[in-house]
Full PDB file with SEQRES, HELIX, SHEET, SSBOND, CRYST1, ORIGX, SCALE, CONECT and MASTER records, all heavy atoms in Angstrom:
SEQRES   1 A   43  LEU ASN GLY TYR THR GLY THR VAL ALA ASP TYR GLU ALA          
SEQRES   2 A   43  GLN TYR VAL ASP LEU LEU THR THR THR ARG GLN ALA LEU          
SEQRES   3 A   43  PRO SER ALA ARG LEU VAL VAL LEU GLU PRO PHE VAL LEU          
SEQRES   4 A   43  ARG HIS GLY VAL                                              
HELIX    1 AA1 VAL A    8  ALA A   25  1                                  18    
CRYST1    1.000    1.000    1.000  90.00  90.00  90.00 P 1           1          
ORIGX1      1.000000  0.000000  0.000000        0.00000                         
ORIGX2      0.000000  1.000000  0.000000        0.00000                         
ORIGX3      0.000000  0.000000  1.000000        0.00000                         
SCALE1      1.000000  0.000000  0.000000        0.00000                         
SCALE2      0.000000  1.000000  0.000000        0.00000                         
SCALE3      0.000000  0.000000  1.000000        0.00000                         
ATOM      1  N   LEU A   1     -36.373  63.834 -28.687  1.00  0.00           N  
ATOM      2  CA  LEU A   1     -35.655  62.688 -29.356  1.00  0.00           C  
ATOM      3  C   LEU A   1     -34.365  62.314 -28.766  1.00  0.00           C  
ATOM      4  O   LEU A   1     -34.033  61.103 -28.754  1.00  0.00           O  
ATOM      5  CB  LEU A   1     -35.438  62.951 -30.806  1.00  0.00           C  
ATOM      6  CG  LEU A   1     -36.697  63.204 -31.703  1.00  0.00           C  
ATOM      7  CD1 LEU A   1     -36.452  63.599 -33.101  1.00  0.00           C  
ATOM      8  CD2 LEU A   1     -37.633  62.051 -31.720  1.00  0.00           C  
ATOM      9  N   ASN A   2     -33.629  63.352 -28.340  1.00  0.00           N  
ATOM     10  CA  ASN A   2     -32.266  63.047 -28.088  1.00  0.00           C  
ATOM     11  C   ASN A   2     -31.788  63.466 -26.597  1.00  0.00           C  
ATOM     12  O   ASN A   2     -30.590  63.571 -26.302  1.00  0.00           O  
ATOM     13  CB  ASN A   2     -31.295  63.850 -29.033  1.00  0.00           C  
ATOM     14  CG  ASN A   2     -31.488  63.450 -30.470  1.00  0.00           C  
ATOM     15  OD1 ASN A   2     -31.817  62.309 -30.676  1.00  0.00           O  
ATOM     16  ND2 ASN A   2     -31.425  64.307 -31.372  1.00  0.00           N  
ATOM     17  N   GLY A   3     -32.747  63.795 -25.842  1.00  0.00           N  
ATOM     18  CA  GLY A   3     -32.345  64.070 -24.296  1.00  0.00           C  
ATOM     19  C   GLY A   3     -31.847  65.381 -24.137  1.00  0.00           C  
ATOM     20  O   GLY A   3     -31.258  65.713 -23.100  1.00  0.00           O  
ATOM     21  N   TYR A   4     -31.900  66.315 -25.064  1.00  0.00           N  
ATOM     22  CA  TYR A   4     -31.533  67.674 -24.945  1.00  0.00           C  
ATOM     23  C   TYR A   4     -32.281  68.320 -23.750  1.00  0.00           C  
ATOM     24  O   TYR A   4     -33.510  68.052 -23.769  1.00  0.00           O  
ATOM     25  CB  TYR A   4     -31.564  68.423 -26.225  1.00  0.00           C  
ATOM     26  CG  TYR A   4     -31.198  69.894 -26.162  1.00  0.00           C  
ATOM     27  CD1 TYR A   4     -29.847  70.230 -25.809  1.00  0.00           C  
ATOM     28  CD2 TYR A   4     -32.041  70.845 -26.449  1.00  0.00           C  
ATOM     29  CE1 TYR A   4     -29.454  71.447 -25.711  1.00  0.00           C  
ATOM     30  CE2 TYR A   4     -31.686  72.326 -26.316  1.00  0.00           C  
ATOM     31  CZ  TYR A   4     -30.421  72.555 -26.133  1.00  0.00           C  
ATOM     32  OH  TYR A   4     -29.959  73.938 -25.918  1.00  0.00           O  
ATOM     33  N   THR A   5     -31.757  69.154 -22.991  1.00  0.00           N  
ATOM     34  CA  THR A   5     -32.474  69.720 -21.754  1.00  0.00           C  
ATOM     35  C   THR A   5     -32.709  71.172 -21.996  1.00  0.00           C  
ATOM     36  O   THR A   5     -33.089  71.729 -20.947  1.00  0.00           O  
ATOM     37  CB  THR A   5     -31.675  69.362 -20.475  1.00  0.00           C  
ATOM     38  OG1 THR A   5     -30.388  69.888 -20.608  1.00  0.00           O  
ATOM     39  CG2 THR A   5     -31.567  67.907 -20.240  1.00  0.00           C  
ATOM     40  N   GLY A   6     -32.341  71.811 -22.919  1.00  0.00           N  
ATOM     41  CA  GLY A   6     -32.409  73.199 -22.985  1.00  0.00           C  
ATOM     42  C   GLY A   6     -33.959  73.773 -22.946  1.00  0.00           C  
ATOM     43  O   GLY A   6     -34.760  73.240 -23.650  1.00  0.00           O  
ATOM     44  N   THR A   7     -34.105  74.773 -22.100  1.00  0.00           N  
ATOM     45  CA  THR A   7     -35.444  75.337 -21.848  1.00  0.00           C  
ATOM     46  C   THR A   7     -35.669  76.564 -22.846  1.00  0.00           C  
ATOM     47  O   THR A   7     -34.729  76.994 -23.595  1.00  0.00           O  
ATOM     48  CB  THR A   7     -35.547  75.825 -20.501  1.00  0.00           C  
ATOM     49  OG1 THR A   7     -34.583  77.052 -20.378  1.00  0.00           O  
ATOM     50  CG2 THR A   7     -35.284  74.823 -19.411  1.00  0.00           C  
ATOM     51  N   VAL A   8     -36.931  76.991 -22.830  1.00  0.00           N  
ATOM     52  CA  VAL A   8     -37.226  78.066 -23.613  1.00  0.00           C  
ATOM     53  C   VAL A   8     -36.277  79.336 -23.166  1.00  0.00           C  
ATOM     54  O   VAL A   8     -35.762  80.155 -24.040  1.00  0.00           O  
ATOM     55  CB  VAL A   8     -38.714  78.484 -23.482  1.00  0.00           C  
ATOM     56  CG1 VAL A   8     -38.996  79.978 -24.209  1.00  0.00           C  
ATOM     57  CG2 VAL A   8     -39.699  77.420 -23.920  1.00  0.00           C  
ATOM     58  N   ALA A   9     -36.124  79.576 -21.919  1.00  0.00           N  
ATOM     59  CA  ALA A   9     -35.214  80.625 -21.487  1.00  0.00           C  
ATOM     60  C   ALA A   9     -33.753  80.418 -22.032  1.00  0.00           C  
ATOM     61  O   ALA A   9     -33.138  81.450 -22.360  1.00  0.00           O  
ATOM     62  CB  ALA A   9     -35.366  80.643 -19.897  1.00  0.00           C  
ATOM     63  N   ASP A  10     -33.339  79.156 -21.955  1.00  0.00           N  
ATOM     64  CA  ASP A  10     -32.028  78.833 -22.568  1.00  0.00           C  
ATOM     65  C   ASP A  10     -31.879  79.282 -24.016  1.00  0.00           C  
ATOM     66  O   ASP A  10     -30.894  79.838 -24.492  1.00  0.00           O  
ATOM     67  CB  ASP A  10     -31.649  77.444 -22.390  1.00  0.00           C  
ATOM     68  CG  ASP A  10     -31.505  76.991 -21.012  1.00  0.00           C  
ATOM     69  OD1 ASP A  10     -31.137  77.831 -20.144  1.00  0.00           O  
ATOM     70  OD2 ASP A  10     -31.694  75.762 -20.616  1.00  0.00           O  
ATOM     71  N   TYR A  11     -32.955  78.817 -24.734  1.00  0.00           N  
ATOM     72  CA  TYR A  11     -33.057  79.255 -26.219  1.00  0.00           C  
ATOM     73  C   TYR A  11     -32.902  80.704 -26.334  1.00  0.00           C  
ATOM     74  O   TYR A  11     -32.082  81.144 -27.344  1.00  0.00           O  
ATOM     75  CB  TYR A  11     -34.288  78.662 -26.842  1.00  0.00           C  
ATOM     76  CG  TYR A  11     -34.540  79.048 -28.208  1.00  0.00           C  
ATOM     77  CD1 TYR A  11     -33.806  78.601 -29.218  1.00  0.00           C  
ATOM     78  CD2 TYR A  11     -35.721  79.840 -28.444  1.00  0.00           C  
ATOM     79  CE1 TYR A  11     -34.117  78.999 -30.525  1.00  0.00           C  
ATOM     80  CE2 TYR A  11     -36.024  80.161 -29.737  1.00  0.00           C  
ATOM     81  CZ  TYR A  11     -35.274  79.856 -30.744  1.00  0.00           C  
ATOM     82  OH  TYR A  11     -35.494  80.081 -32.064  1.00  0.00           O  
ATOM     83  N   GLU A  12     -33.735  81.523 -25.668  1.00  0.00           N  
ATOM     84  CA  GLU A  12     -33.667  82.879 -25.829  1.00  0.00           C  
ATOM     85  C   GLU A  12     -32.385  83.504 -25.434  1.00  0.00           C  
ATOM     86  O   GLU A  12     -31.755  84.317 -26.215  1.00  0.00           O  
ATOM     87  CB  GLU A  12     -34.890  83.581 -25.088  1.00  0.00           C  
ATOM     88  CG  GLU A  12     -35.032  85.014 -25.323  1.00  0.00           C  
ATOM     89  CD  GLU A  12     -36.159  85.545 -24.546  1.00  0.00           C  
ATOM     90  OE1 GLU A  12     -37.029  84.933 -24.088  1.00  0.00           O  
ATOM     91  OE2 GLU A  12     -36.221  86.955 -24.534  1.00  0.00           O  
ATOM     92  N   ALA A  13     -31.911  83.087 -24.268  1.00  0.00           N  
ATOM     93  CA  ALA A  13     -30.605  83.679 -23.876  1.00  0.00           C  
ATOM     94  C   ALA A  13     -29.432  83.300 -24.790  1.00  0.00           C  
ATOM     95  O   ALA A  13     -28.543  84.274 -25.108  1.00  0.00           O  
ATOM     96  CB  ALA A  13     -30.224  83.204 -22.521  1.00  0.00           C  
ATOM     97  N   GLN A  14     -29.350  82.178 -25.293  1.00  0.00           N  
ATOM     98  CA  GLN A  14     -28.367  81.731 -26.286  1.00  0.00           C  
ATOM     99  C   GLN A  14     -28.566  82.471 -27.534  1.00  0.00           C  
ATOM    100  O   GLN A  14     -27.482  82.867 -28.196  1.00  0.00           O  
ATOM    101  CB  GLN A  14     -28.422  80.134 -26.376  1.00  0.00           C  
ATOM    102  CG  GLN A  14     -27.969  79.346 -25.216  1.00  0.00           C  
ATOM    103  CD  GLN A  14     -28.472  77.935 -25.285  1.00  0.00           C  
ATOM    104  OE1 GLN A  14     -29.151  77.535 -26.256  1.00  0.00           O  
ATOM    105  NE2 GLN A  14     -28.062  77.149 -24.195  1.00  0.00           N  
ATOM    106  N   TYR A  15     -29.766  82.697 -28.021  1.00  0.00           N  
ATOM    107  CA  TYR A  15     -29.904  83.340 -29.259  1.00  0.00           C  
ATOM    108  C   TYR A  15     -29.476  84.758 -29.132  1.00  0.00           C  
ATOM    109  O   TYR A  15     -28.944  85.368 -30.131  1.00  0.00           O  
ATOM    110  CB  TYR A  15     -31.423  83.280 -29.625  1.00  0.00           C  
ATOM    111  CG  TYR A  15     -31.704  83.128 -31.110  1.00  0.00           C  
ATOM    112  CD1 TYR A  15     -32.903  82.605 -31.616  1.00  0.00           C  
ATOM    113  CD2 TYR A  15     -30.843  83.576 -32.094  1.00  0.00           C  
ATOM    114  CE1 TYR A  15     -33.328  82.507 -32.924  1.00  0.00           C  
ATOM    115  CE2 TYR A  15     -31.043  83.491 -33.435  1.00  0.00           C  
ATOM    116  CZ  TYR A  15     -32.367  83.015 -33.903  1.00  0.00           C  
ATOM    117  OH  TYR A  15     -32.634  82.924 -35.167  1.00  0.00           O  
ATOM    118  N   VAL A  16     -29.934  85.434 -28.008  1.00  0.00           N  
ATOM    119  CA  VAL A  16     -29.570  86.794 -27.919  1.00  0.00           C  
ATOM    120  C   VAL A  16     -27.996  86.977 -27.850  1.00  0.00           C  
ATOM    121  O   VAL A  16     -27.481  87.855 -28.511  1.00  0.00           O  
ATOM    122  CB  VAL A  16     -30.098  87.344 -26.632  1.00  0.00           C  
ATOM    123  CG1 VAL A  16     -29.467  88.726 -26.186  1.00  0.00           C  
ATOM    124  CG2 VAL A  16     -31.669  87.452 -26.629  1.00  0.00           C  
ATOM    125  N   ASP A  17     -27.415  86.024 -27.143  1.00  0.00           N  
ATOM    126  CA  ASP A  17     -25.958  86.043 -27.103  1.00  0.00           C  
ATOM    127  C   ASP A  17     -25.236  85.993 -28.482  1.00  0.00           C  
ATOM    128  O   ASP A  17     -24.322  86.577 -28.747  1.00  0.00           O  
ATOM    129  CB  ASP A  17     -25.406  84.940 -26.124  1.00  0.00           C  
ATOM    130  CG  ASP A  17     -23.810  84.884 -26.102  1.00  0.00           C  
ATOM    131  OD1 ASP A  17     -23.297  85.751 -25.580  1.00  0.00           O  
ATOM    132  OD2 ASP A  17     -23.319  83.916 -26.675  1.00  0.00           O  
ATOM    133  N   LEU A  18     -25.825  84.988 -29.324  1.00  0.00           N  
ATOM    134  CA  LEU A  18     -25.317  84.675 -30.667  1.00  0.00           C  
ATOM    135  C   LEU A  18     -25.484  86.031 -31.471  1.00  0.00           C  
ATOM    136  O   LEU A  18     -24.594  86.443 -32.288  1.00  0.00           O  
ATOM    137  CB  LEU A  18     -26.128  83.592 -31.350  1.00  0.00           C  
ATOM    138  CG  LEU A  18     -25.608  83.126 -32.722  1.00  0.00           C  
ATOM    139  CD1 LEU A  18     -24.364  82.350 -32.564  1.00  0.00           C  
ATOM    140  CD2 LEU A  18     -26.662  82.299 -33.356  1.00  0.00           C  
ATOM    141  N   LEU A  19     -26.579  86.634 -31.469  1.00  0.00           N  
ATOM    142  CA  LEU A  19     -26.813  87.855 -32.206  1.00  0.00           C  
ATOM    143  C   LEU A  19     -26.006  88.958 -31.719  1.00  0.00           C  
ATOM    144  O   LEU A  19     -25.502  89.784 -32.529  1.00  0.00           O  
ATOM    145  CB  LEU A  19     -28.482  88.182 -32.151  1.00  0.00           C  
ATOM    146  CG  LEU A  19     -29.222  87.056 -32.830  1.00  0.00           C  
ATOM    147  CD1 LEU A  19     -30.755  87.375 -32.633  1.00  0.00           C  
ATOM    148  CD2 LEU A  19     -29.035  87.008 -34.384  1.00  0.00           C  
ATOM    149  N   THR A  20     -25.848  89.159 -30.408  1.00  0.00           N  
ATOM    150  CA  THR A  20     -25.147  90.294 -29.930  1.00  0.00           C  
ATOM    151  C   THR A  20     -23.597  90.109 -30.304  1.00  0.00           C  
ATOM    152  O   THR A  20     -22.955  91.133 -30.674  1.00  0.00           O  
ATOM    153  CB  THR A  20     -25.316  90.295 -28.380  1.00  0.00           C  
ATOM    154  OG1 THR A  20     -26.677  90.527 -28.095  1.00  0.00           O  
ATOM    155  CG2 THR A  20     -24.513  91.445 -27.781  1.00  0.00           C  
ATOM    156  N   THR A  21     -23.167  88.897 -30.265  1.00  0.00           N  
ATOM    157  CA  THR A  21     -21.733  88.562 -30.506  1.00  0.00           C  
ATOM    158  C   THR A  21     -21.499  88.889 -32.109  1.00  0.00           C  
ATOM    159  O   THR A  21     -20.475  89.529 -32.427  1.00  0.00           O  
ATOM    160  CB  THR A  21     -21.345  87.162 -30.354  1.00  0.00           C  
ATOM    161  OG1 THR A  21     -21.526  86.822 -28.938  1.00  0.00           O  
ATOM    162  CG2 THR A  21     -20.056  86.753 -30.892  1.00  0.00           C  
ATOM    163  N   THR A  22     -22.595  88.678 -32.897  1.00  0.00           N  
ATOM    164  CA  THR A  22     -22.473  88.904 -34.351  1.00  0.00           C  
ATOM    165  C   THR A  22     -22.511  90.468 -34.559  1.00  0.00           C  
ATOM    166  O   THR A  22     -21.744  91.005 -35.352  1.00  0.00           O  
ATOM    167  CB  THR A  22     -23.643  88.338 -35.084  1.00  0.00           C  
ATOM    168  OG1 THR A  22     -23.610  86.956 -34.772  1.00  0.00           O  
ATOM    169  CG2 THR A  22     -23.469  88.408 -36.539  1.00  0.00           C  
ATOM    170  N   ARG A  23     -23.327  91.129 -33.808  1.00  0.00           N  
ATOM    171  CA  ARG A  23     -23.457  92.560 -33.979  1.00  0.00           C  
ATOM    172  C   ARG A  23     -22.122  93.316 -33.585  1.00  0.00           C  
ATOM    173  O   ARG A  23     -21.633  94.156 -34.331  1.00  0.00           O  
ATOM    174  CB  ARG A  23     -24.535  93.168 -33.082  1.00  0.00           C  
ATOM    175  CG  ARG A  23     -24.656  94.610 -33.048  1.00  0.00           C  
ATOM    176  CD  ARG A  23     -25.206  95.166 -34.358  1.00  0.00           C  
ATOM    177  NE  ARG A  23     -26.579  94.986 -34.508  1.00  0.00           N  
ATOM    178  CZ  ARG A  23     -27.047  94.660 -35.695  1.00  0.00           C  
ATOM    179  NH1 ARG A  23     -26.378  94.688 -36.705  1.00  0.00           N  
ATOM    180  NH2 ARG A  23     -28.430  94.502 -35.832  1.00  0.00           N  
ATOM    181  N   GLN A  24     -21.442  92.722 -32.574  1.00  0.00           N  
ATOM    182  CA  GLN A  24     -20.187  93.304 -32.142  1.00  0.00           C  
ATOM    183  C   GLN A  24     -19.131  93.052 -33.145  1.00  0.00           C  
ATOM    184  O   GLN A  24     -18.161  93.951 -33.422  1.00  0.00           O  
ATOM    185  CB  GLN A  24     -19.784  92.746 -30.731  1.00  0.00           C  
ATOM    186  CG  GLN A  24     -20.696  93.202 -29.634  1.00  0.00           C  
ATOM    187  CD  GLN A  24     -20.488  92.454 -28.346  1.00  0.00           C  
ATOM    188  OE1 GLN A  24     -19.811  91.457 -28.306  1.00  0.00           O  
ATOM    189  NE2 GLN A  24     -21.074  92.923 -27.300  1.00  0.00           N  
ATOM    190  N   ALA A  25     -19.082  91.870 -33.678  1.00  0.00           N  
ATOM    191  CA  ALA A  25     -18.013  91.430 -34.517  1.00  0.00           C  
ATOM    192  C   ALA A  25     -18.293  92.104 -36.061  1.00  0.00           C  
ATOM    193  O   ALA A  25     -17.320  92.431 -36.728  1.00  0.00           O  
ATOM    194  CB  ALA A  25     -17.865  89.970 -34.705  1.00  0.00           C  
ATOM    195  N   LEU A  26     -19.491  92.244 -36.358  1.00  0.00           N  
ATOM    196  CA  LEU A  26     -19.987  92.726 -37.806  1.00  0.00           C  
ATOM    197  C   LEU A  26     -20.898  93.943 -37.592  1.00  0.00           C  
ATOM    198  O   LEU A  26     -22.070  93.797 -37.944  1.00  0.00           O  
ATOM    199  CB  LEU A  26     -20.548  91.620 -38.535  1.00  0.00           C  
ATOM    200  CG  LEU A  26     -19.833  90.360 -38.760  1.00  0.00           C  
ATOM    201  CD1 LEU A  26     -20.580  89.311 -39.232  1.00  0.00           C  
ATOM    202  CD2 LEU A  26     -18.538  90.619 -39.606  1.00  0.00           C  
ATOM    203  N   PRO A  27     -20.363  95.059 -37.048  1.00  0.00           N  
ATOM    204  CA  PRO A  27     -21.265  96.199 -36.776  1.00  0.00           C  
ATOM    205  C   PRO A  27     -22.139  96.680 -37.799  1.00  0.00           C  
ATOM    206  O   PRO A  27     -23.172  97.293 -37.669  1.00  0.00           O  
ATOM    207  CB  PRO A  27     -20.356  97.248 -36.186  1.00  0.00           C  
ATOM    208  CG  PRO A  27     -19.019  96.830 -36.660  1.00  0.00           C  
ATOM    209  CD  PRO A  27     -19.021  95.340 -36.766  1.00  0.00           C  
ATOM    210  N   SER A  28     -21.661  96.559 -39.037  1.00  0.00           N  
ATOM    211  CA  SER A  28     -22.391  97.168 -40.237  1.00  0.00           C  
ATOM    212  C   SER A  28     -23.279  96.108 -40.947  1.00  0.00           C  
ATOM    213  O   SER A  28     -24.088  96.462 -41.831  1.00  0.00           O  
ATOM    214  CB  SER A  28     -21.422  97.721 -41.260  1.00  0.00           C  
ATOM    215  OG  SER A  28     -20.554  96.596 -41.767  1.00  0.00           O  
ATOM    216  N   ALA A  29     -23.304  94.901 -40.444  1.00  0.00           N  
ATOM    217  CA  ALA A  29     -24.144  93.816 -41.070  1.00  0.00           C  
ATOM    218  C   ALA A  29     -25.599  93.959 -40.745  1.00  0.00           C  
ATOM    219  O   ALA A  29     -25.921  94.387 -39.497  1.00  0.00           O  
ATOM    220  CB  ALA A  29     -23.627  92.401 -40.648  1.00  0.00           C  
ATOM    221  N   ARG A  30     -26.470  93.540 -41.537  1.00  0.00           N  
ATOM    222  CA  ARG A  30     -27.867  93.467 -41.216  1.00  0.00           C  
ATOM    223  C   ARG A  30     -28.084  92.136 -40.726  1.00  0.00           C  
ATOM    224  O   ARG A  30     -27.895  91.055 -41.464  1.00  0.00           O  
ATOM    225  CB  ARG A  30     -28.810  93.727 -42.439  1.00  0.00           C  
ATOM    226  CG  ARG A  30     -30.224  93.755 -42.135  1.00  0.00           C  
ATOM    227  CD  ARG A  30     -31.049  94.229 -43.354  1.00  0.00           C  
ATOM    228  NE  ARG A  30     -32.498  94.376 -42.857  1.00  0.00           N  
ATOM    229  CZ  ARG A  30     -33.471  94.682 -43.729  1.00  0.00           C  
ATOM    230  NH1 ARG A  30     -33.207  95.216 -44.867  1.00  0.00           N  
ATOM    231  NH2 ARG A  30     -34.652  94.806 -43.256  1.00  0.00           N  
ATOM    232  N   LEU A  31     -28.801  91.923 -39.535  1.00  0.00           N  
ATOM    233  CA  LEU A  31     -28.980  90.693 -39.007  1.00  0.00           C  
ATOM    234  C   LEU A  31     -30.553  90.420 -39.292  1.00  0.00           C  
ATOM    235  O   LEU A  31     -31.417  91.336 -39.091  1.00  0.00           O  
ATOM    236  CB  LEU A  31     -28.766  90.697 -37.470  1.00  0.00           C  
ATOM    237  CG  LEU A  31     -27.431  91.058 -36.936  1.00  0.00           C  
ATOM    238  CD1 LEU A  31     -27.285  90.965 -35.511  1.00  0.00           C  
ATOM    239  CD2 LEU A  31     -26.403  90.248 -37.745  1.00  0.00           C  
ATOM    240  N   VAL A  32     -30.791  89.202 -39.720  1.00  0.00           N  
ATOM    241  CA  VAL A  32     -32.234  88.731 -40.038  1.00  0.00           C  
ATOM    242  C   VAL A  32     -32.484  87.436 -39.205  1.00  0.00           C  
ATOM    243  O   VAL A  32     -31.785  86.478 -39.412  1.00  0.00           O  
ATOM    244  CB  VAL A  32     -32.428  88.550 -41.519  1.00  0.00           C  
ATOM    245  CG1 VAL A  32     -33.783  88.255 -41.884  1.00  0.00           C  
ATOM    246  CG2 VAL A  32     -31.883  89.859 -42.263  1.00  0.00           C  
ATOM    247  N   VAL A  33     -33.644  87.501 -38.487  1.00  0.00           N  
ATOM    248  CA  VAL A  33     -34.059  86.261 -37.860  1.00  0.00           C  
ATOM    249  C   VAL A  33     -35.403  85.755 -38.373  1.00  0.00           C  
ATOM    250  O   VAL A  33     -36.381  86.575 -38.449  1.00  0.00           O  
ATOM    251  CB  VAL A  33     -34.274  86.667 -36.324  1.00  0.00           C  
ATOM    252  CG1 VAL A  33     -35.081  85.428 -35.554  1.00  0.00           C  
ATOM    253  CG2 VAL A  33     -32.900  86.927 -35.630  1.00  0.00           C  
ATOM    254  N   LEU A  34     -35.403  84.574 -38.896  1.00  0.00           N  
ATOM    255  CA  LEU A  34     -36.688  84.108 -39.401  1.00  0.00           C  
ATOM    256  C   LEU A  34     -37.389  83.215 -38.245  1.00  0.00           C  
ATOM    257  O   LEU A  34     -36.693  82.528 -37.463  1.00  0.00           O  
ATOM    258  CB  LEU A  34     -36.465  83.053 -40.519  1.00  0.00           C  
ATOM    259  CG  LEU A  34     -36.092  83.689 -41.890  1.00  0.00           C  
ATOM    260  CD1 LEU A  34     -34.579  84.211 -41.918  1.00  0.00           C  
ATOM    261  CD2 LEU A  34     -36.282  82.720 -43.001  1.00  0.00           C  
ATOM    262  N   GLU A  35     -38.650  83.413 -38.162  1.00  0.00           N  
ATOM    263  CA  GLU A  35     -39.390  82.683 -37.106  1.00  0.00           C  
ATOM    264  C   GLU A  35     -39.548  81.239 -37.385  1.00  0.00           C  
ATOM    265  O   GLU A  35     -39.725  80.824 -38.405  1.00  0.00           O  
ATOM    266  CB  GLU A  35     -40.795  83.285 -37.072  1.00  0.00           C  
ATOM    267  CG  GLU A  35     -41.718  82.657 -36.024  1.00  0.00           C  
ATOM    268  CD  GLU A  35     -43.121  83.139 -36.256  1.00  0.00           C  
ATOM    269  OE1 GLU A  35     -43.570  83.511 -37.250  1.00  0.00           O  
ATOM    270  OE2 GLU A  35     -43.801  83.185 -35.103  1.00  0.00           O  
ATOM    271  N   PRO A  36     -39.077  80.427 -36.388  1.00  0.00           N  
ATOM    272  CA  PRO A  36     -39.387  78.941 -36.474  1.00  0.00           C  
ATOM    273  C   PRO A  36     -40.834  78.698 -36.608  1.00  0.00           C  
ATOM    274  O   PRO A  36     -41.700  79.402 -36.080  1.00  0.00           O  
ATOM    275  CB  PRO A  36     -38.753  78.429 -35.168  1.00  0.00           C  
ATOM    276  CG  PRO A  36     -38.603  79.598 -34.245  1.00  0.00           C  
ATOM    277  CD  PRO A  36     -38.546  80.805 -34.945  1.00  0.00           C  
ATOM    278  N   PHE A  37     -41.152  77.750 -37.330  1.00  0.00           N  
ATOM    279  CA  PHE A  37     -42.528  77.274 -37.611  1.00  0.00           C  
ATOM    280  C   PHE A  37     -42.680  75.798 -37.642  1.00  0.00           C  
ATOM    281  O   PHE A  37     -41.736  75.101 -37.979  1.00  0.00           O  
ATOM    282  CB  PHE A  37     -43.004  77.928 -38.967  1.00  0.00           C  
ATOM    283  CG  PHE A  37     -42.189  77.397 -40.172  1.00  0.00           C  
ATOM    284  CD1 PHE A  37     -42.758  76.301 -40.822  1.00  0.00           C  
ATOM    285  CD2 PHE A  37     -40.924  78.003 -40.538  1.00  0.00           C  
ATOM    286  CE1 PHE A  37     -41.895  75.792 -41.858  1.00  0.00           C  
ATOM    287  CE2 PHE A  37     -40.194  77.482 -41.493  1.00  0.00           C  
ATOM    288  CZ  PHE A  37     -40.618  76.301 -42.111  1.00  0.00           C  
ATOM    289  N   VAL A  38     -43.820  75.262 -37.477  1.00  0.00           N  
ATOM    290  CA  VAL A  38     -44.260  73.979 -37.646  1.00  0.00           C  
ATOM    291  C   VAL A  38     -45.691  73.935 -38.146  1.00  0.00           C  
ATOM    292  O   VAL A  38     -46.493  75.000 -37.904  1.00  0.00           O  
ATOM    293  CB  VAL A  38     -44.163  73.000 -36.497  1.00  0.00           C  
ATOM    294  CG1 VAL A  38     -42.643  72.881 -36.147  1.00  0.00           C  
ATOM    295  CG2 VAL A  38     -44.962  73.562 -35.279  1.00  0.00           C  
ATOM    296  N   LEU A  39     -46.154  72.815 -38.694  1.00  0.00           N  
ATOM    297  CA  LEU A  39     -47.604  72.603 -38.955  1.00  0.00           C  
ATOM    298  C   LEU A  39     -47.978  71.216 -38.203  1.00  0.00           C  
ATOM    299  O   LEU A  39     -47.248  70.300 -38.228  1.00  0.00           O  
ATOM    300  CB  LEU A  39     -47.842  72.522 -40.472  1.00  0.00           C  
ATOM    301  CG  LEU A  39     -47.837  73.973 -41.133  1.00  0.00           C  
ATOM    302  CD1 LEU A  39     -47.897  73.559 -42.805  1.00  0.00           C  
ATOM    303  CD2 LEU A  39     -48.802  74.840 -40.718  1.00  0.00           C  
ATOM    304  N   ARG A  40     -49.207  71.200 -37.888  1.00  0.00           N  
ATOM    305  CA  ARG A  40     -49.712  69.984 -37.318  1.00  0.00           C  
ATOM    306  C   ARG A  40     -49.882  68.881 -38.320  1.00  0.00           C  
ATOM    307  O   ARG A  40     -50.937  68.704 -38.819  1.00  0.00           O  
ATOM    308  CB  ARG A  40     -51.036  70.235 -36.504  1.00  0.00           C  
ATOM    309  CG  ARG A  40     -50.712  71.159 -35.278  1.00  0.00           C  
ATOM    310  CD  ARG A  40     -51.774  71.128 -34.312  1.00  0.00           C  
ATOM    311  NE  ARG A  40     -51.567  72.042 -33.240  1.00  0.00           N  
ATOM    312  CZ  ARG A  40     -52.124  71.965 -32.020  1.00  0.00           C  
ATOM    313  NH1 ARG A  40     -52.889  71.017 -31.624  1.00  0.00           N  
ATOM    314  NH2 ARG A  40     -51.912  73.031 -31.087  1.00  0.00           N  
ATOM    315  N   HIS A  41     -48.866  68.184 -38.571  1.00  0.00           N  
ATOM    316  CA  HIS A  41     -48.743  67.179 -39.677  1.00  0.00           C  
ATOM    317  C   HIS A  41     -47.601  66.273 -39.379  1.00  0.00           C  
ATOM    318  O   HIS A  41     -46.533  66.704 -38.860  1.00  0.00           O  
ATOM    319  CB  HIS A  41     -48.696  67.981 -40.899  1.00  0.00           C  
ATOM    320  CG  HIS A  41     -48.350  67.035 -42.124  1.00  0.00           C  
ATOM    321  ND1 HIS A  41     -49.345  66.141 -42.642  1.00  0.00           N  
ATOM    322  CD2 HIS A  41     -47.248  66.921 -42.999  1.00  0.00           C  
ATOM    323  CE1 HIS A  41     -48.790  65.493 -43.738  1.00  0.00           C  
ATOM    324  NE2 HIS A  41     -47.542  65.984 -43.948  1.00  0.00           N  
ATOM    325  N   GLY A  42     -47.633  64.989 -39.772  1.00  0.00           N  
ATOM    326  CA  GLY A  42     -46.477  64.185 -39.566  1.00  0.00           C  
ATOM    327  C   GLY A  42     -46.055  63.902 -38.170  1.00  0.00           C  
ATOM    328  O   GLY A  42     -46.815  63.632 -37.407  1.00  0.00           O  
ATOM    329  N   VAL A  43     -44.942  64.483 -37.855  1.00  0.00           N  
ATOM    330  CA  VAL A  43     -44.246  64.255 -36.452  1.00  0.00           C  
ATOM    331  C   VAL A  43     -44.794  65.266 -35.481  1.00  0.00           C  
ATOM    332  O   VAL A  43     -44.681  65.128 -34.266  1.00  0.00           O  
ATOM    333  CB  VAL A  43     -42.738  64.393 -36.490  1.00  0.00           C  
ATOM    334  CG1 VAL A  43     -42.225  63.257 -37.413  1.00  0.00           C  
ATOM    335  CG2 VAL A  43     -42.219  65.704 -36.976  1.00  0.00           C  
TER     336      VAL A  43                                                      
MASTER        0    0    0    1    0    0    0    6  335    1    0    4          
END                                                                             
């Protein structure tokens, strides 16, 4: 829709970086990742 150019590899690397940064800043926190999902409907 918007011309974003991020690849699957970019998504994974950026997500790992985000979670790793969080783990370092909040070492006792529990991190939870929900799987993205879609259904073949609408858009």
